[in-house]
Amino acid sequence: MRLITKERAFAIASQWGSFMHATDPGQCLYAFYVNDGRPLTEAHRLECLRWLRSKQTTCRSDREYDELMKLIRFMANTALRPN
C-alpha cells in the first residue's frame, strides 16, 4: 500500500476545510500544524477519520472520491506528530 506524503495530505485536508464552518464537525481538520498533516493525538486521528468517512457518500466525482480515500488511508496509517 502506498501512502501519500504529509505535504499532499495537508493540501487535501486544506481543500476539504474550505467546505466547513466553525460549527461543522469537520473542524478537526483545522488542528494541523502548517505543512504537517499528521494527527496530533489518537483522539484527533479518530475525529478526523470519523468526519472523512462520513463524506464518502457525498463525493461528486471519482477523482474526489479517490482523493478522499487517499487522505483516509494516510490518516489511518501515519504516525502521530511528535510533541
N, C-alpha and C. Protein backbone atom coordinates (compact mmCIF):
# COMPACT_ATOMS: atom_id res chain seq x y z
N MET A 1 0.84 -1.17 0.00
CA MET A 1 0.00 0.00 0.00
C MET A 1 0.89 1.25 0.00
N ARG A 2 0.61 2.19 -0.87
CA ARG A 2 1.39 3.42 -0.99
C ARG A 2 0.65 4.56 -0.29
N LEU A 3 1.33 5.20 0.65
CA LEU A 3 0.75 6.35 1.33
C LEU A 3 1.15 7.63 0.62
N ILE A 4 0.32 8.63 0.72
CA ILE A 4 0.68 9.93 0.17
C ILE A 4 1.60 10.65 1.15
N THR A 5 2.28 11.65 0.66
CA THR A 5 3.19 12.39 1.52
C THR A 5 2.39 13.25 2.51
N LYS A 6 3.06 13.65 3.59
CA LYS A 6 2.37 14.50 4.57
C LYS A 6 2.00 15.84 3.94
N GLU A 7 2.82 16.34 3.02
CA GLU A 7 2.50 17.60 2.35
C GLU A 7 1.23 17.48 1.51
N ARG A 8 1.11 16.35 0.80
CA ARG A 8 -0.08 16.12 -0.03
C ARG A 8 -1.32 15.95 0.85
N ALA A 9 -1.17 15.24 1.97
CA ALA A 9 -2.29 15.06 2.89
C ALA A 9 -2.75 16.41 3.43
N PHE A 10 -1.80 17.27 3.76
CA PHE A 10 -2.15 18.60 4.27
C PHE A 10 -2.88 19.40 3.19
N ALA A 11 -2.40 19.31 1.97
CA ALA A 11 -3.05 20.04 0.87
C ALA A 11 -4.48 19.55 0.66
N ILE A 12 -4.68 18.24 0.71
CA ILE A 12 -6.02 17.69 0.54
C ILE A 12 -6.91 18.12 1.70
N ALA A 13 -6.39 18.02 2.92
CA ALA A 13 -7.17 18.41 4.10
C ALA A 13 -7.56 19.89 4.02
N SER A 14 -6.64 20.71 3.55
CA SER A 14 -6.92 22.14 3.43
C SER A 14 -8.06 22.39 2.44
N GLN A 15 -8.09 21.62 1.34
CA GLN A 15 -9.16 21.78 0.36
C GLN A 15 -10.50 21.40 0.96
N TRP A 16 -10.53 20.32 1.71
CA TRP A 16 -11.78 19.91 2.34
C TRP A 16 -12.20 20.93 3.38
N GLY A 17 -11.22 21.56 4.02
CA GLY A 17 -11.52 22.57 5.03
C GLY A 17 -12.32 23.73 4.47
N SER A 18 -12.18 24.02 3.19
CA SER A 18 -12.90 25.15 2.60
C SER A 18 -14.40 24.93 2.57
N PHE A 19 -14.85 23.70 2.77
CA PHE A 19 -16.28 23.40 2.78
C PHE A 19 -16.89 23.56 4.17
N MET A 20 -16.05 23.88 5.17
CA MET A 20 -16.50 23.85 6.55
C MET A 20 -16.70 25.24 7.13
N HIS A 21 -17.39 25.26 8.24
CA HIS A 21 -17.53 26.48 9.04
C HIS A 21 -17.28 26.11 10.49
N ALA A 22 -17.26 27.08 11.38
CA ALA A 22 -16.81 26.87 12.76
C ALA A 22 -17.61 25.82 13.52
N THR A 23 -18.88 25.63 13.19
CA THR A 23 -19.69 24.66 13.93
C THR A 23 -19.73 23.29 13.26
N ASP A 24 -19.06 23.13 12.15
CA ASP A 24 -19.02 21.87 11.41
C ASP A 24 -18.23 20.83 12.19
N PRO A 25 -18.71 19.59 12.25
CA PRO A 25 -17.94 18.55 12.94
C PRO A 25 -16.59 18.29 12.28
N GLY A 26 -16.39 18.74 11.06
CA GLY A 26 -15.12 18.57 10.38
C GLY A 26 -14.06 19.58 10.78
N GLN A 27 -14.35 20.40 11.78
CA GLN A 27 -13.38 21.40 12.21
C GLN A 27 -12.08 20.77 12.70
N CYS A 28 -12.06 19.46 12.97
CA CYS A 28 -10.83 18.78 13.38
C CYS A 28 -9.73 18.94 12.34
N LEU A 29 -10.11 19.18 11.09
CA LEU A 29 -9.12 19.32 10.04
C LEU A 29 -8.38 20.65 10.12
N TYR A 30 -8.82 21.56 10.96
CA TYR A 30 -8.11 22.82 11.15
C TYR A 30 -7.01 22.72 12.20
N ALA A 31 -6.90 21.60 12.89
CA ALA A 31 -5.97 21.47 14.02
C ALA A 31 -4.54 21.15 13.62
N PHE A 32 -4.27 20.92 12.36
CA PHE A 32 -2.94 20.52 11.92
C PHE A 32 -1.95 21.68 11.99
N TYR A 33 -0.69 21.35 12.20
CA TYR A 33 0.37 22.34 12.10
C TYR A 33 0.62 22.64 10.63
N VAL A 34 1.14 23.79 10.31
CA VAL A 34 1.41 24.19 8.93
C VAL A 34 2.36 23.18 8.29
N ASN A 35 2.01 22.72 7.10
CA ASN A 35 2.80 21.75 6.33
C ASN A 35 3.04 20.44 7.05
N ASP A 36 2.14 20.05 7.93
CA ASP A 36 2.25 18.77 8.63
C ASP A 36 0.86 18.18 8.81
N GLY A 37 0.55 17.18 8.01
CA GLY A 37 -0.78 16.58 8.02
C GLY A 37 -0.96 15.45 9.01
N ARG A 38 0.02 15.23 9.88
CA ARG A 38 -0.10 14.13 10.85
C ARG A 38 -1.06 14.51 11.97
N PRO A 39 -1.82 13.51 12.44
CA PRO A 39 -2.72 13.79 13.57
C PRO A 39 -1.93 14.11 14.83
N LEU A 40 -2.54 14.89 15.71
CA LEU A 40 -1.87 15.33 16.93
C LEU A 40 -1.95 14.29 18.05
N THR A 41 -3.09 13.60 18.12
CA THR A 41 -3.32 12.56 19.13
C THR A 41 -4.15 11.46 18.49
N GLU A 42 -4.29 10.35 19.19
CA GLU A 42 -5.17 9.29 18.67
C GLU A 42 -6.62 9.76 18.63
N ALA A 43 -7.01 10.58 19.60
CA ALA A 43 -8.38 11.12 19.59
C ALA A 43 -8.59 12.03 18.37
N HIS A 44 -7.58 12.84 18.04
CA HIS A 44 -7.65 13.70 16.85
C HIS A 44 -7.74 12.85 15.59
N ARG A 45 -6.93 11.78 15.53
CA ARG A 45 -6.98 10.88 14.37
C ARG A 45 -8.39 10.31 14.20
N LEU A 46 -8.98 9.82 15.29
CA LEU A 46 -10.31 9.22 15.21
C LEU A 46 -11.37 10.23 14.80
N GLU A 47 -11.27 11.45 15.32
CA GLU A 47 -12.21 12.50 14.95
C GLU A 47 -12.10 12.81 13.46
N CYS A 48 -10.88 12.93 12.97
CA CYS A 48 -10.67 13.19 11.53
C CYS A 48 -11.20 12.04 10.68
N LEU A 49 -10.87 10.81 11.06
CA LEU A 49 -11.34 9.65 10.30
C LEU A 49 -12.86 9.57 10.30
N ARG A 50 -13.48 9.81 11.42
CA ARG A 50 -14.95 9.78 11.50
C ARG A 50 -15.55 10.79 10.53
N TRP A 51 -15.00 12.00 10.52
CA TRP A 51 -15.54 13.03 9.63
C TRP A 51 -15.26 12.69 8.17
N LEU A 52 -14.03 12.29 7.86
CA LEU A 52 -13.68 11.98 6.47
C LEU A 52 -14.53 10.83 5.93
N ARG A 53 -14.72 9.78 6.73
CA ARG A 53 -15.53 8.64 6.28
C ARG A 53 -16.98 9.03 6.06
N SER A 54 -17.46 10.01 6.80
CA SER A 54 -18.85 10.46 6.61
C SER A 54 -19.03 11.14 5.26
N LYS A 55 -17.94 11.56 4.63
CA LYS A 55 -18.01 12.25 3.34
C LYS A 55 -17.93 11.31 2.14
N GLN A 56 -17.73 10.02 2.38
CA GLN A 56 -17.57 9.07 1.27
C GLN A 56 -18.79 9.01 0.37
N THR A 57 -19.97 9.19 0.90
CA THR A 57 -21.17 9.08 0.08
C THR A 57 -21.56 10.39 -0.60
N THR A 58 -20.84 11.47 -0.30
CA THR A 58 -21.20 12.76 -0.89
C THR A 58 -20.20 13.26 -1.92
N CYS A 59 -19.25 12.43 -2.30
CA CYS A 59 -18.27 12.84 -3.30
C CYS A 59 -18.96 13.08 -4.63
N ARG A 60 -18.53 14.11 -5.32
CA ARG A 60 -19.17 14.49 -6.58
C ARG A 60 -18.52 13.87 -7.80
N SER A 61 -17.34 13.28 -7.65
CA SER A 61 -16.67 12.70 -8.82
C SER A 61 -15.78 11.55 -8.36
N ASP A 62 -15.37 10.72 -9.30
CA ASP A 62 -14.45 9.63 -8.99
C ASP A 62 -13.13 10.17 -8.48
N ARG A 63 -12.68 11.27 -9.05
CA ARG A 63 -11.41 11.87 -8.63
C ARG A 63 -11.50 12.35 -7.18
N GLU A 64 -12.60 13.00 -6.84
CA GLU A 64 -12.80 13.47 -5.47
C GLU A 64 -12.84 12.29 -4.50
N TYR A 65 -13.52 11.22 -4.89
CA TYR A 65 -13.59 10.02 -4.05
C TYR A 65 -12.20 9.42 -3.87
N ASP A 66 -11.43 9.35 -4.95
CA ASP A 66 -10.07 8.81 -4.88
C ASP A 66 -9.19 9.64 -3.94
N GLU A 67 -9.27 10.96 -4.04
CA GLU A 67 -8.50 11.85 -3.16
C GLU A 67 -8.92 11.65 -1.70
N LEU A 68 -10.21 11.52 -1.47
CA LEU A 68 -10.70 11.30 -0.12
C LEU A 68 -10.19 9.98 0.44
N MET A 69 -10.20 8.93 -0.37
CA MET A 69 -9.72 7.62 0.09
C MET A 69 -8.23 7.67 0.39
N LYS A 70 -7.45 8.39 -0.40
CA LYS A 70 -6.02 8.55 -0.11
C LYS A 70 -5.82 9.25 1.22
N LEU A 71 -6.60 10.26 1.47
CA LEU A 71 -6.49 11.00 2.73
C LEU A 71 -6.89 10.11 3.91
N ILE A 72 -7.93 9.33 3.75
CA ILE A 72 -8.35 8.40 4.80
C ILE A 72 -7.25 7.39 5.10
N ARG A 73 -6.66 6.82 4.05
CA ARG A 73 -5.56 5.85 4.27
C ARG A 73 -4.38 6.50 4.97
N PHE A 74 -4.03 7.71 4.55
CA PHE A 74 -2.94 8.42 5.19
C PHE A 74 -3.25 8.65 6.68
N MET A 75 -4.44 9.17 6.96
CA MET A 75 -4.80 9.48 8.33
C MET A 75 -4.84 8.23 9.19
N ALA A 76 -5.25 7.13 8.65
CA ALA A 76 -5.34 5.88 9.41
C ALA A 76 -3.96 5.27 9.68
N ASN A 77 -2.99 5.52 8.82
CA ASN A 77 -1.72 4.80 8.90
C ASN A 77 -0.49 5.61 9.27
N THR A 78 -0.57 6.92 9.25
CA THR A 78 0.60 7.74 9.52
C THR A 78 0.88 7.83 11.03
N ALA A 79 2.11 8.09 11.37
CA ALA A 79 2.48 8.26 12.77
C ALA A 79 1.93 9.59 13.30
N LEU A 80 1.73 9.65 14.60
CA LEU A 80 1.32 10.90 15.24
C LEU A 80 2.43 11.93 15.13
N ARG A 81 2.06 13.19 15.16
CA ARG A 81 3.06 14.27 15.18
C ARG A 81 3.72 14.28 16.55
N PRO A 82 5.06 14.28 16.59
CA PRO A 82 5.72 14.33 17.89
C PRO A 82 5.42 15.63 18.63
N ASN A 83 5.37 15.56 19.94
CA ASN A 83 5.11 16.77 20.75
C ASN A 83 6.30 17.68 20.78
